[in-house]
Amino acid sequence: MRVPNSVVLPVGTHTDCCPKQEVEEKRSNIMAKITAMLVERKSNLTHFINNLEDSEEPEVYVDQWEKLKEMENCTLTILDLVAVNCTDHSDIKKLEATILEHVKNEELFPEVVRVLPPIYREVEAAIVDITQSEEMADHGMMDLQYLLSELSQHEHLANLDKELLQDILRYLHRIGLIVWYEEIKHLASTVFLQPTFLITTFKVSMGNRTLQGPSFAM
């Protein structure tokens, strides 16, 4: 909701735990809740903005007003929920095909056709090589400065500087190849070269919760 022109694809899992009719009911229910949530968000933002504008000293709240206006202008596109059985390979392929179909939609992603400088591909290939090397730790975490020194040893990347690397990491983060939480102070100097490690960690954490009865998780 805070990212301009966001596109969200809700995914419902565990369909194998629900009768087909219940899956459709839950799909409709979830989409209805999301729609209601967006309407409520818009209403709340308008309310907060009006309150600041009608205050006795609106100039005092200029910063808050600007942030709220910025959020108000952020469009959020919600796509139809995709329900999958994660134990069925054909369902996973269906989800993959759906994601690719949406990503290629220029109306949803106007910048989908973009020519990247060759160095972006070179850094991407070098990072893949690093993650596949025997020296790479299982957790896949690497200090940003150390990553720069490692990449600088590759052909054509000797002149790679930190600022350019950060730009490339932002791109690789967006496409899901790596994870880099640059906005979090304590994590800004750490790059997660293997996002699957984080996913596994989250799964273990979530797995500690006790679930009662069949569920349709999103």
N, C-alpha and C. Protein backbone atom coordinates (compact mmCIF):
# COMPACT_ATOMS: atom_id res chain seq x y z
N MET A 1 0.81 -1.22 0.00
CA MET A 1 0.00 0.00 0.00
C MET A 1 0.85 1.27 0.00
N ARG A 2 2.14 1.11 0.31
CA ARG A 2 3.03 2.27 0.36
C ARG A 2 3.93 2.37 -0.87
N VAL A 3 3.79 1.42 -1.79
CA VAL A 3 4.62 1.41 -2.99
C VAL A 3 3.79 1.90 -4.17
N PRO A 4 4.24 2.92 -4.88
CA PRO A 4 3.48 3.45 -6.02
C PRO A 4 3.21 2.38 -7.07
N ASN A 5 1.98 2.36 -7.57
CA ASN A 5 1.58 1.46 -8.67
C ASN A 5 1.85 -0.01 -8.35
N SER A 6 1.53 -0.41 -7.14
CA SER A 6 1.73 -1.80 -6.74
C SER A 6 0.73 -2.72 -7.42
N VAL A 7 1.18 -3.93 -7.70
CA VAL A 7 0.31 -4.97 -8.25
C VAL A 7 0.43 -6.18 -7.33
N VAL A 8 -0.70 -6.64 -6.81
CA VAL A 8 -0.70 -7.73 -5.84
C VAL A 8 -1.49 -8.91 -6.38
N LEU A 9 -0.88 -10.09 -6.32
CA LEU A 9 -1.55 -11.32 -6.73
C LEU A 9 -1.78 -12.17 -5.48
N PRO A 10 -2.99 -12.19 -4.94
CA PRO A 10 -3.26 -13.05 -3.77
C PRO A 10 -3.20 -14.53 -4.17
N VAL A 11 -2.60 -15.33 -3.32
CA VAL A 11 -2.48 -16.77 -3.58
C VAL A 11 -3.03 -17.53 -2.37
N GLY A 12 -4.01 -18.40 -2.62
CA GLY A 12 -4.56 -19.24 -1.57
C GLY A 12 -4.00 -20.64 -1.69
N THR A 13 -3.51 -21.19 -0.58
CA THR A 13 -2.91 -22.52 -0.60
C THR A 13 -3.78 -23.51 0.18
N HIS A 14 -3.34 -24.75 0.25
CA HIS A 14 -4.03 -25.81 1.00
C HIS A 14 -5.42 -26.11 0.44
N THR A 15 -5.60 -25.96 -0.87
CA THR A 15 -6.91 -26.28 -1.44
C THR A 15 -7.24 -27.77 -1.30
N ASP A 16 -6.19 -28.58 -1.11
CA ASP A 16 -6.43 -30.02 -0.94
C ASP A 16 -7.11 -30.32 0.39
N CYS A 17 -7.14 -29.34 1.30
CA CYS A 17 -7.79 -29.54 2.60
C CYS A 17 -9.25 -29.09 2.59
N CYS A 18 -9.71 -28.58 1.46
CA CYS A 18 -11.08 -28.04 1.38
C CYS A 18 -11.84 -28.65 0.22
N PRO A 19 -13.15 -28.87 0.38
CA PRO A 19 -13.99 -29.27 -0.75
C PRO A 19 -13.97 -28.17 -1.81
N LYS A 20 -14.20 -28.53 -3.06
CA LYS A 20 -14.11 -27.58 -4.16
C LYS A 20 -15.03 -26.39 -3.95
N GLN A 21 -16.27 -26.65 -3.49
CA GLN A 21 -17.22 -25.55 -3.29
C GLN A 21 -16.72 -24.59 -2.21
N GLU A 22 -16.09 -25.13 -1.16
CA GLU A 22 -15.58 -24.29 -0.09
C GLU A 22 -14.42 -23.43 -0.57
N VAL A 23 -13.61 -23.98 -1.48
CA VAL A 23 -12.50 -23.21 -2.05
C VAL A 23 -13.04 -21.96 -2.75
N GLU A 24 -14.09 -22.13 -3.55
CA GLU A 24 -14.67 -21.01 -4.28
C GLU A 24 -15.29 -20.00 -3.32
N GLU A 25 -15.92 -20.50 -2.26
CA GLU A 25 -16.52 -19.60 -1.27
C GLU A 25 -15.45 -18.78 -0.57
N LYS A 26 -14.36 -19.44 -0.20
CA LYS A 26 -13.28 -18.74 0.48
C LYS A 26 -12.59 -17.74 -0.47
N ARG A 27 -12.47 -18.12 -1.73
CA ARG A 27 -11.88 -17.20 -2.71
C ARG A 27 -12.71 -15.92 -2.79
N SER A 28 -14.01 -16.06 -2.92
CA SER A 28 -14.89 -14.90 -3.01
C SER A 28 -14.84 -14.07 -1.73
N ASN A 29 -14.79 -14.76 -0.59
CA ASN A 29 -14.77 -14.08 0.70
C ASN A 29 -13.49 -13.27 0.86
N ILE A 30 -12.38 -13.84 0.49
CA ILE A 30 -11.09 -13.14 0.60
C ILE A 30 -11.05 -11.92 -0.30
N MET A 31 -11.51 -12.07 -1.55
CA MET A 31 -11.50 -10.94 -2.47
C MET A 31 -12.42 -9.83 -1.99
N ALA A 32 -13.55 -10.21 -1.39
CA ALA A 32 -14.49 -9.22 -0.86
C ALA A 32 -13.85 -8.46 0.31
N LYS A 33 -13.12 -9.18 1.16
CA LYS A 33 -12.46 -8.54 2.30
C LYS A 33 -11.37 -7.58 1.83
N ILE A 34 -10.64 -7.98 0.79
CA ILE A 34 -9.58 -7.12 0.26
C ILE A 34 -10.18 -5.85 -0.32
N THR A 35 -11.29 -5.99 -1.06
CA THR A 35 -11.96 -4.82 -1.63
C THR A 35 -12.43 -3.88 -0.53
N ALA A 36 -13.03 -4.46 0.51
CA ALA A 36 -13.51 -3.65 1.64
C ALA A 36 -12.35 -2.95 2.34
N MET A 37 -11.23 -3.64 2.46
CA MET A 37 -10.05 -3.08 3.11
C MET A 37 -9.55 -1.86 2.33
N LEU A 38 -9.54 -1.96 0.99
CA LEU A 38 -9.07 -0.84 0.16
C LEU A 38 -10.00 0.36 0.27
N VAL A 39 -11.30 0.09 0.30
CA VAL A 39 -12.29 1.17 0.44
C VAL A 39 -12.10 1.87 1.78
N GLU A 40 -11.91 1.06 2.84
CA GLU A 40 -11.71 1.63 4.18
C GLU A 40 -10.42 2.45 4.23
N ARG A 41 -9.37 1.93 3.59
CA ARG A 41 -8.09 2.65 3.57
C ARG A 41 -8.25 4.01 2.92
N LYS A 42 -8.92 4.04 1.77
CA LYS A 42 -9.12 5.31 1.06
C LYS A 42 -9.92 6.28 1.90
N SER A 43 -10.96 5.77 2.56
CA SER A 43 -11.80 6.61 3.40
C SER A 43 -11.01 7.17 4.58
N ASN A 44 -10.20 6.33 5.20
CA ASN A 44 -9.40 6.78 6.35
C ASN A 44 -8.38 7.84 5.94
N LEU A 45 -7.73 7.63 4.80
CA LEU A 45 -6.75 8.61 4.33
C LEU A 45 -7.41 9.96 4.07
N THR A 46 -8.57 9.93 3.42
CA THR A 46 -9.31 11.17 3.15
C THR A 46 -9.68 11.86 4.44
N HIS A 47 -10.12 11.07 5.42
CA HIS A 47 -10.51 11.62 6.73
C HIS A 47 -9.32 12.29 7.42
N PHE A 48 -8.17 11.60 7.43
CA PHE A 48 -6.98 12.15 8.09
C PHE A 48 -6.50 13.42 7.39
N ILE A 49 -6.53 13.41 6.06
CA ILE A 49 -6.09 14.58 5.29
C ILE A 49 -6.99 15.76 5.57
N ASN A 50 -8.30 15.53 5.58
CA ASN A 50 -9.26 16.61 5.85
C ASN A 50 -9.06 17.17 7.25
N ASN A 51 -8.78 16.30 8.21
CA ASN A 51 -8.56 16.76 9.58
C ASN A 51 -7.35 17.69 9.67
N LEU A 52 -6.29 17.31 8.95
CA LEU A 52 -5.10 18.16 8.99
C LEU A 52 -5.35 19.49 8.30
N GLU A 53 -6.07 19.45 7.19
CA GLU A 53 -6.35 20.69 6.45
C GLU A 53 -7.28 21.62 7.23
N ASP A 54 -8.15 21.03 8.06
CA ASP A 54 -9.12 21.83 8.83
C ASP A 54 -8.60 22.22 10.21
N SER A 55 -7.38 21.79 10.53
CA SER A 55 -6.84 22.12 11.85
C SER A 55 -6.56 23.61 11.96
N GLU A 56 -6.43 24.10 13.18
CA GLU A 56 -6.20 25.53 13.40
C GLU A 56 -4.84 25.98 12.89
N GLU A 57 -3.87 25.08 12.90
CA GLU A 57 -2.53 25.41 12.42
C GLU A 57 -2.06 24.35 11.42
N PRO A 58 -2.64 24.34 10.23
CA PRO A 58 -2.31 23.31 9.23
C PRO A 58 -0.84 23.30 8.83
N GLU A 59 -0.17 24.47 8.93
CA GLU A 59 1.24 24.54 8.53
C GLU A 59 2.13 23.68 9.44
N VAL A 60 1.66 23.42 10.65
CA VAL A 60 2.44 22.60 11.59
C VAL A 60 2.48 21.15 11.13
N TYR A 61 1.46 20.74 10.39
CA TYR A 61 1.32 19.33 9.99
C TYR A 61 1.63 19.10 8.51
N VAL A 62 2.43 20.00 7.94
CA VAL A 62 2.73 19.90 6.51
C VAL A 62 3.39 18.57 6.16
N ASP A 63 4.35 18.14 6.97
CA ASP A 63 5.05 16.88 6.68
C ASP A 63 4.09 15.70 6.70
N GLN A 64 3.23 15.65 7.70
CA GLN A 64 2.24 14.56 7.78
C GLN A 64 1.28 14.61 6.60
N TRP A 65 0.86 15.82 6.26
CA TRP A 65 -0.08 15.98 5.14
C TRP A 65 0.54 15.49 3.84
N GLU A 66 1.81 15.83 3.61
CA GLU A 66 2.49 15.41 2.38
C GLU A 66 2.61 13.89 2.30
N LYS A 67 2.92 13.24 3.43
CA LYS A 67 3.04 11.79 3.45
C LYS A 67 1.70 11.12 3.17
N LEU A 68 0.64 11.68 3.76
CA LEU A 68 -0.70 11.11 3.54
C LEU A 68 -1.14 11.31 2.09
N LYS A 69 -0.85 12.47 1.52
CA LYS A 69 -1.19 12.72 0.12
C LYS A 69 -0.44 11.78 -0.80
N GLU A 70 0.82 11.51 -0.44
CA GLU A 70 1.63 10.59 -1.23
C GLU A 70 1.03 9.19 -1.19
N MET A 71 0.60 8.76 -0.01
CA MET A 71 -0.04 7.46 0.13
C MET A 71 -1.37 7.40 -0.62
N GLU A 72 -2.09 8.52 -0.60
CA GLU A 72 -3.39 8.59 -1.27
C GLU A 72 -3.22 8.41 -2.79
N ASN A 73 -2.10 8.88 -3.32
CA ASN A 73 -1.86 8.80 -4.76
C ASN A 73 -1.25 7.47 -5.20
N CYS A 74 -0.94 6.60 -4.24
CA CYS A 74 -0.38 5.28 -4.58
C CYS A 74 -1.51 4.36 -5.04
N THR A 75 -1.48 3.99 -6.29
CA THR A 75 -2.49 3.07 -6.81
C THR A 75 -2.13 1.64 -6.43
N LEU A 76 -3.13 0.84 -6.20
CA LEU A 76 -2.92 -0.54 -5.80
C LEU A 76 -3.86 -1.43 -6.62
N THR A 77 -3.29 -2.26 -7.47
CA THR A 77 -4.08 -3.16 -8.31
C THR A 77 -4.08 -4.56 -7.70
N ILE A 78 -5.26 -5.07 -7.40
CA ILE A 78 -5.39 -6.42 -6.83
C ILE A 78 -5.90 -7.36 -7.93
N LEU A 79 -5.12 -8.37 -8.24
CA LEU A 79 -5.50 -9.35 -9.25
C LEU A 79 -6.37 -10.44 -8.63
N ASP A 80 -7.02 -11.23 -9.46
CA ASP A 80 -7.87 -12.31 -8.96
C ASP A 80 -7.04 -13.34 -8.21
N LEU A 81 -7.55 -13.78 -7.09
CA LEU A 81 -6.85 -14.76 -6.26
C LEU A 81 -6.67 -16.08 -7.01
N VAL A 82 -5.49 -16.65 -6.88
CA VAL A 82 -5.20 -17.95 -7.48
C VAL A 82 -5.15 -18.99 -6.35
N ALA A 83 -5.99 -20.01 -6.44
CA ALA A 83 -6.04 -21.07 -5.42
C ALA A 83 -5.22 -22.26 -5.91
N VAL A 84 -4.31 -22.75 -5.07
CA VAL A 84 -3.45 -23.85 -5.49
C VAL A 84 -3.31 -24.91 -4.40
N ASN A 85 -3.04 -26.11 -4.86
CA ASN A 85 -2.68 -27.23 -4.00
C ASN A 85 -1.16 -27.37 -4.11
N CYS A 86 -0.43 -27.01 -3.07
CA CYS A 86 1.03 -26.97 -3.14
C CYS A 86 1.66 -28.36 -3.27
N THR A 87 0.86 -29.40 -3.07
CA THR A 87 1.39 -30.76 -3.23
C THR A 87 1.20 -31.26 -4.66
N ASP A 88 0.53 -30.45 -5.48
CA ASP A 88 0.26 -30.83 -6.87
C ASP A 88 1.16 -30.00 -7.80
N HIS A 89 2.08 -30.68 -8.48
CA HIS A 89 3.04 -29.97 -9.34
C HIS A 89 2.33 -29.18 -10.44
N SER A 90 1.22 -29.70 -10.96
CA SER A 90 0.51 -29.00 -12.03
C SER A 90 -0.06 -27.67 -11.53
N ASP A 91 -0.46 -27.63 -10.25
CA ASP A 91 -0.96 -26.38 -9.69
C ASP A 91 0.17 -25.35 -9.56
N ILE A 92 1.35 -25.81 -9.19
CA ILE A 92 2.50 -24.91 -9.08
C ILE A 92 2.83 -24.33 -10.45
N LYS A 93 2.77 -25.18 -11.47
CA LYS A 93 3.03 -24.72 -12.84
C LYS A 93 1.95 -23.73 -13.28
N LYS A 94 0.72 -23.97 -12.85
CA LYS A 94 -0.38 -23.05 -13.18
C LYS A 94 -0.13 -21.68 -12.55
N LEU A 95 0.32 -21.68 -11.30
CA LEU A 95 0.63 -20.42 -10.62
C LEU A 95 1.77 -19.70 -11.32
N GLU A 96 2.79 -20.45 -11.69
CA GLU A 96 3.94 -19.88 -12.40
C GLU A 96 3.51 -19.24 -13.71
N ALA A 97 2.65 -19.94 -14.45
CA ALA A 97 2.17 -19.42 -15.74
C ALA A 97 1.34 -18.15 -15.54
N THR A 98 0.54 -18.14 -14.48
CA THR A 98 -0.29 -16.97 -14.19
C THR A 98 0.57 -15.76 -13.86
N ILE A 99 1.60 -15.97 -13.05
CA ILE A 99 2.50 -14.87 -12.68
C ILE A 99 3.20 -14.32 -13.92
N LEU A 100 3.70 -15.21 -14.77
CA LEU A 100 4.40 -14.76 -15.98
C LEU A 100 3.45 -14.01 -16.91
N GLU A 101 2.23 -14.48 -16.99
CA GLU A 101 1.24 -13.82 -17.86
C GLU A 101 0.99 -12.40 -17.38
N HIS A 102 0.85 -12.21 -16.08
CA HIS A 102 0.62 -10.87 -15.53
C HIS A 102 1.84 -9.97 -15.70
N VAL A 103 3.02 -10.54 -15.45
CA VAL A 103 4.25 -9.76 -15.53
C VAL A 103 4.47 -9.22 -16.94
N LYS A 104 4.04 -9.97 -17.94
CA LYS A 104 4.23 -9.56 -19.33
C LYS A 104 3.16 -8.57 -19.80
N ASN A 105 2.20 -8.30 -18.93
CA ASN A 105 1.11 -7.38 -19.27
C ASN A 105 1.62 -5.94 -19.13
N GLU A 106 1.79 -5.26 -20.26
CA GLU A 106 2.35 -3.90 -20.24
C GLU A 106 1.40 -2.90 -19.61
N GLU A 107 0.10 -3.21 -19.55
CA GLU A 107 -0.84 -2.31 -18.89
C GLU A 107 -0.61 -2.32 -17.38
N LEU A 108 -0.27 -3.50 -16.84
CA LEU A 108 0.01 -3.62 -15.42
C LEU A 108 1.42 -3.13 -15.10
N PHE A 109 2.36 -3.46 -15.98
CA PHE A 109 3.76 -3.11 -15.77
C PHE A 109 4.29 -2.37 -17.00
N PRO A 110 4.05 -1.05 -17.06
CA PRO A 110 4.47 -0.26 -18.23
C PRO A 110 5.96 -0.35 -18.51
N GLU A 111 6.77 -0.64 -17.49
CA GLU A 111 8.22 -0.66 -17.69
C GLU A 111 8.74 -2.07 -17.89
N VAL A 112 7.82 -2.99 -18.26
CA VAL A 112 8.24 -4.38 -18.41
C VAL A 112 9.29 -4.53 -19.52
N VAL A 113 9.18 -3.67 -20.54
CA VAL A 113 10.18 -3.68 -21.62
C VAL A 113 11.24 -2.64 -21.29
N ARG A 114 12.36 -3.12 -20.82
CA ARG A 114 13.42 -2.22 -20.37
C ARG A 114 14.77 -2.82 -20.73
N VAL A 115 15.59 -2.01 -21.36
CA VAL A 115 16.92 -2.46 -21.74
C VAL A 115 17.89 -2.12 -20.62
N LEU A 116 18.47 -3.15 -20.02
CA LEU A 116 19.41 -2.95 -18.92
C LEU A 116 20.84 -2.89 -19.44
N PRO A 117 21.68 -2.11 -18.79
CA PRO A 117 23.10 -2.09 -19.18
C PRO A 117 23.69 -3.49 -19.02
N PRO A 118 24.64 -3.87 -19.86
CA PRO A 118 25.26 -5.20 -19.78
C PRO A 118 25.80 -5.55 -18.40
N ILE A 119 26.26 -4.54 -17.65
CA ILE A 119 26.86 -4.82 -16.36
C ILE A 119 25.84 -5.40 -15.37
N TYR A 120 24.55 -5.09 -15.57
CA TYR A 120 23.52 -5.67 -14.71
C TYR A 120 23.50 -7.19 -14.86
N ARG A 121 23.56 -7.65 -16.11
CA ARG A 121 23.55 -9.09 -16.37
C ARG A 121 24.84 -9.74 -15.89
N GLU A 122 25.96 -8.99 -16.02
CA GLU A 122 27.25 -9.53 -15.59
C GLU A 122 27.28 -9.71 -14.08
N VAL A 123 26.76 -8.73 -13.34
CA VAL A 123 26.71 -8.84 -11.89
C VAL A 123 25.76 -9.97 -11.48
N GLU A 124 24.63 -10.06 -12.16
CA GLU A 124 23.67 -11.13 -11.86
C GLU A 124 24.32 -12.50 -12.05
N ALA A 125 25.02 -12.68 -13.16
CA ALA A 125 25.68 -13.95 -13.45
C ALA A 125 26.77 -14.24 -12.41
N ALA A 126 27.50 -13.21 -12.02
CA ALA A 126 28.57 -13.39 -11.04
C ALA A 126 28.01 -13.78 -9.67
N ILE A 127 26.88 -13.19 -9.30
CA ILE A 127 26.25 -13.53 -8.02
C ILE A 127 25.75 -14.98 -8.04
N VAL A 128 25.20 -15.40 -9.17
CA VAL A 128 24.77 -16.79 -9.31
C VAL A 128 25.96 -17.73 -9.14
N ASP A 129 27.09 -17.37 -9.72
CA ASP A 129 28.32 -18.17 -9.58
C ASP A 129 28.74 -18.26 -8.12
N ILE A 130 28.66 -17.13 -7.41
CA ILE A 130 29.05 -17.10 -6.00
C ILE A 130 28.15 -18.01 -5.17
N THR A 131 26.85 -17.94 -5.40
CA THR A 131 25.91 -18.74 -4.62
C THR A 131 26.08 -20.24 -4.89
N GLN A 132 26.58 -20.57 -6.07
CA GLN A 132 26.75 -21.98 -6.42
C GLN A 132 28.13 -22.52 -6.06
N SER A 133 29.00 -21.66 -5.56
CA SER A 133 30.35 -22.10 -5.21
C SER A 133 30.33 -22.88 -3.89
N GLU A 134 31.30 -23.73 -3.70
CA GLU A 134 31.39 -24.54 -2.49
C GLU A 134 31.69 -23.69 -1.25
N GLU A 135 32.29 -22.52 -1.45
CA GLU A 135 32.65 -21.66 -0.32
C GLU A 135 31.44 -20.93 0.25
N MET A 136 30.32 -20.91 -0.50
CA MET A 136 29.15 -20.16 -0.06
C MET A 136 28.47 -20.86 1.12
N ALA A 137 28.27 -20.12 2.20
CA ALA A 137 27.60 -20.68 3.38
C ALA A 137 26.15 -20.99 3.07
N ASP A 138 25.58 -21.94 3.80
CA ASP A 138 24.20 -22.35 3.55
C ASP A 138 23.21 -21.21 3.73
N HIS A 139 23.49 -20.30 4.70
CA HIS A 139 22.55 -19.21 4.95
C HIS A 139 22.57 -18.17 3.83
N GLY A 140 23.61 -18.15 3.01
CA GLY A 140 23.64 -17.26 1.86
C GLY A 140 23.79 -15.80 2.18
N MET A 141 24.15 -15.46 3.42
CA MET A 141 24.30 -14.05 3.79
C MET A 141 25.72 -13.59 3.51
N MET A 142 25.84 -12.35 3.05
CA MET A 142 27.17 -11.82 2.76
C MET A 142 27.20 -10.32 3.03
N ASP A 143 28.28 -9.87 3.62
CA ASP A 143 28.47 -8.45 3.87
C ASP A 143 28.54 -7.71 2.54
N LEU A 144 27.90 -6.57 2.47
CA LEU A 144 27.83 -5.79 1.24
C LEU A 144 29.22 -5.44 0.70
N GLN A 145 30.09 -4.98 1.58
CA GLN A 145 31.42 -4.59 1.14
C GLN A 145 32.23 -5.81 0.68
N TYR A 146 32.03 -6.94 1.37
CA TYR A 146 32.73 -8.16 0.97
C TYR A 146 32.22 -8.65 -0.38
N LEU A 147 30.91 -8.52 -0.60
CA LEU A 147 30.32 -8.90 -1.89
C LEU A 147 30.93 -8.06 -3.00
N LEU A 148 31.11 -6.76 -2.75
CA LEU A 148 31.72 -5.88 -3.75
C LEU A 148 33.13 -6.35 -4.09
N SER A 149 33.89 -6.73 -3.07
CA SER A 149 35.27 -7.18 -3.31
C SER A 149 35.29 -8.49 -4.08
N GLU A 150 34.33 -9.38 -3.80
CA GLU A 150 34.24 -10.65 -4.51
C GLU A 150 33.88 -10.43 -5.98
N LEU A 151 32.92 -9.55 -6.22
CA LEU A 151 32.48 -9.27 -7.59
C LEU A 151 33.59 -8.59 -8.39
N SER A 152 34.37 -7.75 -7.72
CA SER A 152 35.44 -7.02 -8.40
C SER A 152 36.52 -7.93 -8.95
N GLN A 153 36.54 -9.17 -8.47
CA GLN A 153 37.53 -10.13 -8.96
C GLN A 153 37.10 -10.80 -10.25
N HIS A 154 35.82 -10.59 -10.63
CA HIS A 154 35.32 -11.19 -11.86
C HIS A 154 35.70 -10.33 -13.07
N GLU A 155 35.81 -10.99 -14.18
CA GLU A 155 36.15 -10.29 -15.42
C GLU A 155 35.08 -9.25 -15.74
N HIS A 156 35.47 -8.11 -16.19
CA HIS A 156 34.61 -6.98 -16.59
C HIS A 156 34.01 -6.24 -15.39
N LEU A 157 34.29 -6.69 -14.15
CA LEU A 157 33.69 -6.03 -12.98
C LEU A 157 34.73 -5.37 -12.08
N ALA A 158 35.93 -5.26 -12.57
CA ALA A 158 37.03 -4.71 -11.75
C ALA A 158 36.74 -3.28 -11.32
N ASN A 159 36.02 -2.52 -12.15
CA ASN A 159 35.75 -1.11 -11.85
C ASN A 159 34.38 -0.89 -11.21
N LEU A 160 33.74 -1.96 -10.79
CA LEU A 160 32.43 -1.85 -10.16
C LEU A 160 32.56 -1.10 -8.84
N ASP A 161 31.78 -0.02 -8.67
CA ASP A 161 31.83 0.71 -7.41
C ASP A 161 30.58 0.42 -6.57
N LYS A 162 30.62 0.86 -5.33
CA LYS A 162 29.56 0.53 -4.37
C LYS A 162 28.21 1.13 -4.78
N GLU A 163 28.22 2.35 -5.29
CA GLU A 163 26.97 3.01 -5.67
C GLU A 163 26.27 2.27 -6.80
N LEU A 164 27.04 1.87 -7.81
CA LEU A 164 26.45 1.12 -8.92
C LEU A 164 25.98 -0.24 -8.45
N LEU A 165 26.75 -0.88 -7.59
CA LEU A 165 26.35 -2.19 -7.07
C LEU A 165 25.02 -2.08 -6.33
N GLN A 166 24.86 -1.02 -5.56
CA GLN A 166 23.61 -0.84 -4.82
C GLN A 166 22.42 -0.69 -5.77
N ASP A 167 22.61 0.04 -6.86
CA ASP A 167 21.55 0.17 -7.87
C ASP A 167 21.19 -1.19 -8.45
N ILE A 168 22.21 -1.99 -8.73
CA ILE A 168 21.98 -3.32 -9.31
C ILE A 168 21.31 -4.22 -8.30
N LEU A 169 21.70 -4.12 -7.03
CA LEU A 169 21.09 -4.95 -5.98
C LEU A 169 19.61 -4.61 -5.80
N ARG A 170 19.27 -3.34 -5.96
CA ARG A 170 17.86 -2.96 -5.88
C ARG A 170 17.06 -3.65 -6.98
N TYR A 171 17.63 -3.68 -8.17
CA TYR A 171 16.98 -4.37 -9.29
C TYR A 171 16.87 -5.87 -9.02
N LEU A 172 17.94 -6.49 -8.55
CA LEU A 172 17.94 -7.93 -8.29
C LEU A 172 17.00 -8.27 -7.13
N HIS A 173 16.85 -7.34 -6.21
CA HIS A 173 15.90 -7.53 -5.11
C HIS A 173 14.46 -7.52 -5.64
N ARG A 174 14.20 -6.60 -6.57
CA ARG A 174 12.85 -6.49 -7.14
C ARG A 174 12.47 -7.73 -7.93
N ILE A 175 13.42 -8.34 -8.62
CA ILE A 175 13.08 -9.52 -9.42
C ILE A 175 13.19 -10.81 -8.60
N GLY A 176 13.61 -10.68 -7.33
CA GLY A 176 13.60 -11.83 -6.45
C GLY A 176 14.84 -12.70 -6.44
N LEU A 177 15.90 -12.26 -7.12
CA LEU A 177 17.12 -13.08 -7.15
C LEU A 177 17.83 -13.04 -5.80
N ILE A 178 17.85 -11.87 -5.18
CA ILE A 178 18.46 -11.72 -3.86
C ILE A 178 17.48 -10.95 -2.97
N VAL A 179 17.81 -10.86 -1.70
CA VAL A 179 17.02 -10.03 -0.77
C VAL A 179 17.97 -9.08 -0.08
N TRP A 180 17.64 -7.79 -0.14
CA TRP A 180 18.47 -6.76 0.48
C TRP A 180 17.57 -5.74 1.15
N TYR A 181 17.60 -5.72 2.48
CA TYR A 181 16.76 -4.81 3.25
C TYR A 181 17.52 -3.51 3.51
N GLU A 182 17.74 -2.74 2.48
CA GLU A 182 18.55 -1.52 2.64
C GLU A 182 17.87 -0.48 3.52
N GLU A 183 16.54 -0.56 3.64
CA GLU A 183 15.84 0.44 4.43
C GLU A 183 15.88 0.13 5.93
N ILE A 184 16.35 -1.08 6.30
CA ILE A 184 16.47 -1.46 7.71
C ILE A 184 17.92 -1.25 8.14
N LYS A 185 18.14 -0.35 9.06
CA LYS A 185 19.48 0.08 9.43
C LYS A 185 20.40 -1.09 9.76
N HIS A 186 19.93 -2.03 10.58
CA HIS A 186 20.78 -3.12 11.05
C HIS A 186 21.01 -4.19 9.98
N LEU A 187 20.26 -4.14 8.88
CA LEU A 187 20.41 -5.14 7.82
C LEU A 187 20.96 -4.55 6.52
N ALA A 188 21.13 -3.24 6.50
CA ALA A 188 21.53 -2.56 5.26
C ALA A 188 22.87 -3.04 4.72
N SER A 189 23.74 -3.53 5.61
CA SER A 189 25.07 -3.96 5.17
C SER A 189 25.12 -5.46 4.88
N THR A 190 23.96 -6.13 4.92
CA THR A 190 23.90 -7.57 4.68
C THR A 190 23.04 -7.87 3.46
N VAL A 191 23.55 -8.71 2.57
CA VAL A 191 22.81 -9.12 1.38
C VAL A 191 22.51 -10.62 1.50
N PHE A 192 21.25 -10.97 1.30
CA PHE A 192 20.86 -12.38 1.33
C PHE A 192 20.88 -12.90 -0.11
N LEU A 193 21.93 -13.65 -0.42
CA LEU A 193 22.10 -14.12 -1.79
C LEU A 193 21.23 -15.35 -2.08
N GLN A 194 20.71 -15.98 -1.05
CA GLN A 194 19.87 -17.15 -1.23
C GLN A 194 18.55 -16.95 -0.49
N PRO A 195 17.57 -16.32 -1.14
CA PRO A 195 16.28 -16.04 -0.49
C PRO A 195 15.60 -17.30 0.04
N THR A 196 15.92 -18.47 -0.54
CA THR A 196 15.27 -19.70 -0.08
C THR A 196 15.59 -19.97 1.39
N PHE A 197 16.74 -19.52 1.87
CA PHE A 197 17.07 -19.70 3.29
C PHE A 197 16.09 -18.93 4.16
N LEU A 198 15.76 -17.69 3.74
CA LEU A 198 14.79 -16.89 4.50
C LEU A 198 13.42 -17.55 4.48
N ILE A 199 13.05 -18.07 3.31
CA ILE A 199 11.74 -18.72 3.18
C ILE A 199 11.66 -19.91 4.13
N THR A 200 12.72 -20.71 4.17
CA THR A 200 12.75 -21.87 5.06
C THR A 200 12.67 -21.43 6.52
N THR A 201 13.37 -20.36 6.85
CA THR A 201 13.34 -19.84 8.22
C THR A 201 11.93 -19.40 8.59
N PHE A 202 11.28 -18.68 7.67
CA PHE A 202 9.91 -18.23 7.94
C PHE A 202 8.97 -19.42 8.10
N LYS A 203 9.16 -20.44 7.27
CA LYS A 203 8.30 -21.63 7.34
C LYS A 203 8.46 -22.33 8.68
N VAL A 204 9.70 -22.43 9.17
CA VAL A 204 9.93 -23.06 10.47
C VAL A 204 9.27 -22.25 11.58
N SER A 205 9.39 -20.91 11.48
CA SER A 205 8.78 -20.04 12.50
C SER A 205 7.26 -20.18 12.49
N MET A 206 6.69 -20.14 11.27
CA MET A 206 5.23 -20.27 11.16
C MET A 206 4.77 -21.66 11.56
N GLY A 207 5.63 -22.66 11.33
CA GLY A 207 5.26 -24.03 11.64
C GLY A 207 5.09 -24.28 13.12
N ASN A 208 5.62 -23.37 13.95
CA ASN A 208 5.49 -23.53 15.39
C ASN A 208 4.10 -23.16 15.89
N ARG A 209 3.32 -22.55 15.02
CA ARG A 209 1.96 -22.21 15.40
C ARG A 209 1.06 -23.43 15.28
N THR A 210 0.13 -23.57 16.17
CA THR A 210 -0.79 -24.70 16.15
C THR A 210 -2.01 -24.35 15.33
N LEU A 211 -2.28 -25.15 14.29
CA LEU A 211 -3.43 -24.93 13.44
C LEU A 211 -4.47 -25.99 13.75
N GLN A 212 -5.69 -25.60 13.91
CA GLN A 212 -6.75 -26.53 14.23
C GLN A 212 -7.67 -26.69 13.02
N GLY A 213 -7.80 -27.92 12.53
CA GLY A 213 -8.70 -28.20 11.42
C GLY A 213 -8.14 -27.77 10.10
N PRO A 214 -8.83 -28.13 8.99
CA PRO A 214 -8.40 -27.76 7.63
C PRO A 214 -8.36 -26.25 7.49
N SER A 215 -7.42 -25.77 6.73
CA SER A 215 -7.29 -24.32 6.54
C SER A 215 -7.10 -23.99 5.09
N PHE A 216 -7.45 -22.75 4.77
CA PHE A 216 -7.23 -22.23 3.42
C PHE A 216 -6.39 -20.99 3.65
N ALA A 217 -5.09 -21.14 3.54
CA ALA A 217 -4.18 -20.06 3.94
C ALA A 217 -3.88 -19.14 2.79
N MET A 218 -3.62 -17.87 3.12
CA MET A 218 -3.23 -16.92 2.09
C MET A 218 -1.93 -16.28 2.50
